[in-house]
Amino acid sequence: MPWPMVHFAVASRLVANPSPEFLLGSIAPDSIHVRNNITRADKAKTHLMIEEHVFVTDEQLMDYVELNRQQAMQDKRFMDYLCGYIAHIYTDRVWTFNIYPPYETLPEGRKFYTQDVTKLEFLILQQDGANEWLDKLKVGRAFDLGGLRQHEVYQYREEKLQFFKTPEHEPIEDPSVISLSLVNKFITNTANEIRELYQQSGIMK
């Protein structure tokens, strides 16, 4: 669904100064892509889906936090990583229902989607503070979580950092279906929703 820069932007709106672990956790579920021959079922597991194609509810997300609360209370870095991980899944869910649908009506929707989200990665990267997210990302500690191993998350991180170092990856044309302004509004609204969820659950003040 949304690519890393959207997840980083949500993290930065959710927390004034997100830690390296929060940022790394916010892309960790997609680290499944470093494995060979992955299936939709594999990705569903790292996104905590009990049933394939069915996103977990807010209650299920908070149940997962409770399941890991003891370790989180003992290690703030793990707590940040866990909160980033949960934020990723929440963001994916909202994006799927609010942003992606227009592409489903297009004959080559997947092609247009890939081009648009790739361009958006570089447009967001040009915004204030975005390069600092990448600097923090480099030093974040990963944890075994969601069926993913620490080394897989590090491998995925390196792939993403290398992607942003290659200007040739940026499409020339601007997004054709969604816009940066629409995505920025999505980022703000989603961060506010996650903050409210975390506050209700006692994760954030």
Protein backbone atom coordinates (compact mmCIF):
# COMPACT_ATOMS: atom_id res chain seq x y z
CA MET A 1 0.00 0.00 0.00
CA PRO A 2 1.63 3.37 0.85
CA TRP A 3 5.40 3.38 0.49
CA PRO A 4 7.96 4.29 3.18
CA MET A 5 7.87 8.09 2.98
CA VAL A 6 4.15 8.15 3.71
CA HIS A 7 4.72 5.96 6.77
CA PHE A 8 7.59 8.20 7.93
CA ALA A 9 5.42 11.28 7.45
CA VAL A 10 2.60 9.74 9.50
CA ALA A 11 5.13 8.91 12.23
CA SER A 12 6.42 12.49 12.27
CA ARG A 13 2.89 13.89 12.62
CA LEU A 14 2.02 11.33 15.27
CA VAL A 15 5.14 12.01 17.36
CA ALA A 16 6.89 15.39 17.31
CA ASN A 17 10.33 13.83 17.17
CA PRO A 18 10.00 10.14 16.25
CA SER A 19 12.85 7.94 17.42
CA PRO A 20 14.89 5.82 14.99
CA GLU A 21 13.07 2.75 16.30
CA PHE A 22 9.65 4.30 15.70
CA LEU A 23 10.59 5.12 12.11
CA LEU A 24 12.07 1.69 11.48
CA GLY A 25 9.03 0.01 13.00
CA SER A 26 6.80 2.08 10.73
CA ILE A 27 8.12 0.25 7.65
CA ALA A 28 9.00 -3.09 9.27
CA PRO A 29 5.86 -5.05 8.24
CA ASP A 30 6.86 -4.68 4.58
CA SER A 31 10.25 -6.29 5.25
CA ILE A 32 8.58 -9.52 4.18
CA HIS A 33 9.50 -8.44 0.64
CA VAL A 34 13.15 -9.37 1.18
CA ARG A 35 12.12 -13.04 1.15
CA ASN A 36 11.93 -14.99 -2.07
CA ASN A 37 8.63 -16.20 -3.52
CA ILE A 38 6.39 -14.60 -0.91
CA THR A 39 2.63 -15.07 -1.06
CA ARG A 40 -0.26 -12.86 -0.03
CA ALA A 41 -0.64 -15.13 2.98
CA ASP A 42 2.95 -14.36 4.02
CA LYS A 43 2.31 -10.63 3.85
CA ALA A 44 -0.97 -11.04 5.70
CA LYS A 45 0.90 -12.61 8.63
CA THR A 46 3.37 -9.75 9.01
CA HIS A 47 0.42 -7.36 8.90
CA LEU A 48 -1.18 -9.34 11.74
CA MET A 49 -4.16 -10.44 9.65
CA ILE A 50 -5.98 -13.41 11.12
CA GLU A 51 -7.74 -13.93 7.80
CA GLU A 52 -6.15 -13.06 4.45
CA HIS A 53 -7.53 -9.85 2.87
CA VAL A 54 -9.23 -8.87 6.14
CA PHE A 55 -7.53 -6.01 7.97
CA VAL A 56 -7.27 -6.25 11.72
CA THR A 57 -9.52 -3.99 13.78
CA ASP A 58 -8.43 -1.30 16.23
CA GLU A 59 -9.26 -3.69 19.05
CA GLN A 60 -7.07 -6.43 17.57
CA LEU A 61 -4.20 -3.99 17.11
CA MET A 62 -4.42 -2.98 20.75
CA ASP A 63 -4.65 -6.64 21.79
CA TYR A 64 -1.33 -7.14 20.02
CA VAL A 65 0.16 -4.25 21.96
CA GLU A 66 -1.06 -5.85 25.19
CA LEU A 67 0.52 -9.14 24.14
CA ASN A 68 3.87 -7.36 23.94
CA ARG A 69 3.34 -4.86 26.76
CA GLN A 70 5.71 -6.52 29.24
CA GLN A 71 8.69 -6.26 26.90
CA ALA A 72 7.59 -2.76 25.86
CA MET A 73 7.52 -1.59 29.47
CA GLN A 74 11.07 -2.85 29.98
CA ASP A 75 12.55 -1.40 26.78
CA LYS A 76 11.49 1.99 25.41
CA ARG A 77 13.14 1.26 22.07
CA PHE A 78 10.96 -1.81 21.69
CA MET A 79 7.89 0.22 22.66
CA ASP A 80 8.71 2.78 19.96
CA TYR A 81 9.32 0.02 17.41
CA LEU A 82 6.02 -1.66 18.34
CA CYS A 83 4.11 1.63 18.07
CA GLY A 84 5.65 2.26 14.66
CA TYR A 85 4.74 -1.27 13.57
CA ILE A 86 1.11 -0.85 14.62
CA ALA A 87 0.95 2.60 12.99
CA HIS A 88 2.06 1.03 9.69
CA ILE A 89 -0.78 -1.48 9.74
CA TYR A 90 -3.35 1.16 10.67
CA THR A 91 -2.09 3.43 7.88
CA ASP A 92 -2.25 0.62 5.33
CA ARG A 93 -5.85 -0.07 6.27
CA VAL A 94 -6.99 3.54 5.89
CA TRP A 95 -5.03 3.97 2.65
CA THR A 96 -6.60 0.85 1.14
CA PHE A 97 -10.12 2.17 1.64
CA ASN A 98 -9.59 5.92 1.18
CA ILE A 99 -6.78 6.37 -1.35
CA TYR A 100 -6.41 3.25 -3.48
CA PRO A 101 -9.98 2.68 -4.84
CA PRO A 102 -9.73 5.08 -7.85
CA TYR A 103 -6.95 2.92 -9.29
CA GLU A 104 -9.18 -0.15 -9.24
CA THR A 105 -11.37 1.39 -11.93
CA LEU A 106 -8.50 1.98 -14.38
CA PRO A 107 -7.51 -0.58 -17.05
CA GLU A 108 -3.85 -0.24 -16.04
CA GLY A 109 -4.52 0.84 -12.50
CA ARG A 110 -1.60 -0.99 -10.94
CA LYS A 111 0.84 0.61 -13.38
CA PHE A 112 -0.48 4.12 -12.68
CA TYR A 113 -0.48 3.43 -8.95
CA THR A 114 3.16 2.37 -8.92
CA GLN A 115 4.18 5.45 -10.90
CA ASP A 116 2.18 7.79 -8.66
CA VAL A 117 3.40 6.44 -5.33
CA THR A 118 6.99 6.37 -6.59
CA LYS A 119 6.77 10.05 -7.53
CA LEU A 120 5.16 10.83 -4.17
CA GLU A 121 8.11 9.27 -2.37
CA PHE A 122 10.43 11.85 -3.87
CA LEU A 123 7.97 14.73 -3.48
CA ILE A 124 7.63 14.00 0.24
CA LEU A 125 11.40 13.64 0.50
CA GLN A 126 11.70 17.28 -0.60
CA GLN A 127 9.58 18.47 2.34
CA ASP A 128 11.12 19.96 5.47
CA GLY A 129 12.66 17.41 7.80
CA ALA A 130 12.24 14.43 5.50
CA ASN A 131 15.96 13.79 5.04
CA GLU A 132 16.31 13.69 8.83
CA TRP A 133 13.96 10.71 8.87
CA LEU A 134 16.38 8.79 6.67
CA ASP A 135 19.32 9.74 8.88
CA LYS A 136 17.46 8.39 11.90
CA LEU A 137 16.37 5.31 10.02
CA LYS A 138 19.99 4.30 9.53
CA VAL A 139 20.59 3.87 13.27
CA GLY A 140 17.26 2.38 14.37
CA ARG A 141 17.29 -0.98 16.12
CA ALA A 142 14.95 -3.66 14.84
CA PHE A 143 13.35 -6.44 16.88
CA ASP A 144 11.93 -9.85 16.05
CA LEU A 145 8.23 -9.06 15.71
CA GLY A 146 5.26 -10.03 13.57
CA GLY A 147 7.01 -13.12 12.25
CA LEU A 148 9.89 -11.03 10.89
CA ARG A 149 13.49 -11.44 11.97
CA GLN A 150 15.70 -8.53 12.90
CA HIS A 151 18.10 -9.14 10.00
CA GLU A 152 15.24 -9.07 7.48
CA VAL A 153 14.21 -5.62 8.65
CA TYR A 154 17.80 -4.39 8.36
CA GLN A 155 18.03 -5.79 4.83
CA TYR A 156 14.79 -4.06 3.84
CA ARG A 157 15.98 -0.80 5.39
CA GLU A 158 19.16 -0.90 3.33
CA GLU A 159 17.19 -1.53 0.14
CA LYS A 160 14.99 1.50 0.82
CA LEU A 161 17.93 3.75 1.66
CA GLN A 162 19.64 2.74 -1.57
CA PHE A 163 16.43 3.46 -3.47
CA PHE A 164 16.38 7.06 -2.26
CA LYS A 165 20.02 7.51 -3.18
CA THR A 166 19.20 6.83 -6.82
CA PRO A 167 17.58 9.89 -8.48
CA GLU A 168 16.86 7.84 -11.59
CA HIS A 169 14.08 6.11 -9.68
CA GLU A 170 12.01 9.30 -9.62
CA PRO A 171 9.42 9.47 -12.42
CA ILE A 172 9.44 12.65 -14.49
CA GLU A 173 5.66 13.09 -14.51
CA ASP A 174 3.63 14.20 -11.52
CA PRO A 175 1.04 11.82 -10.02
CA SER A 176 -1.92 11.39 -12.35
CA VAL A 177 -4.63 10.15 -10.00
CA ILE A 178 -3.74 11.35 -6.51
CA SER A 179 -1.94 14.53 -5.50
CA LEU A 180 0.62 15.53 -2.90
CA SER A 181 -1.96 17.78 -1.22
CA LEU A 182 -4.40 14.89 -0.95
CA VAL A 183 -1.72 12.64 0.51
CA ASN A 184 -0.59 15.31 2.99
CA LYS A 185 -4.18 15.62 4.19
CA PHE A 186 -4.35 11.84 4.50
CA ILE A 187 -1.13 11.85 6.53
CA THR A 188 -2.43 14.45 8.97
CA ASN A 189 -5.82 12.80 9.43
CA THR A 190 -4.35 9.32 9.84
CA ALA A 191 -1.79 10.48 12.39
CA ASN A 192 -4.57 12.14 14.39
CA GLU A 193 -6.62 8.95 14.35
CA ILE A 194 -3.69 6.82 15.51
CA ARG A 195 -2.86 9.31 18.25
CA GLU A 196 -6.42 9.13 19.54
CA LEU A 197 -6.28 5.32 19.50
CA TYR A 198 -2.98 5.30 21.37
CA GLN A 199 -4.25 7.81 23.92
CA GLN A 200 -7.39 5.78 24.56
CA SER A 201 -5.23 2.71 25.13
CA GLY A 202 -2.80 4.49 27.43
CA ILE A 203 0.14 4.14 25.03
CA MET A 204 0.46 7.89 24.57
CA LYS A 205 -0.49 10.82 26.79
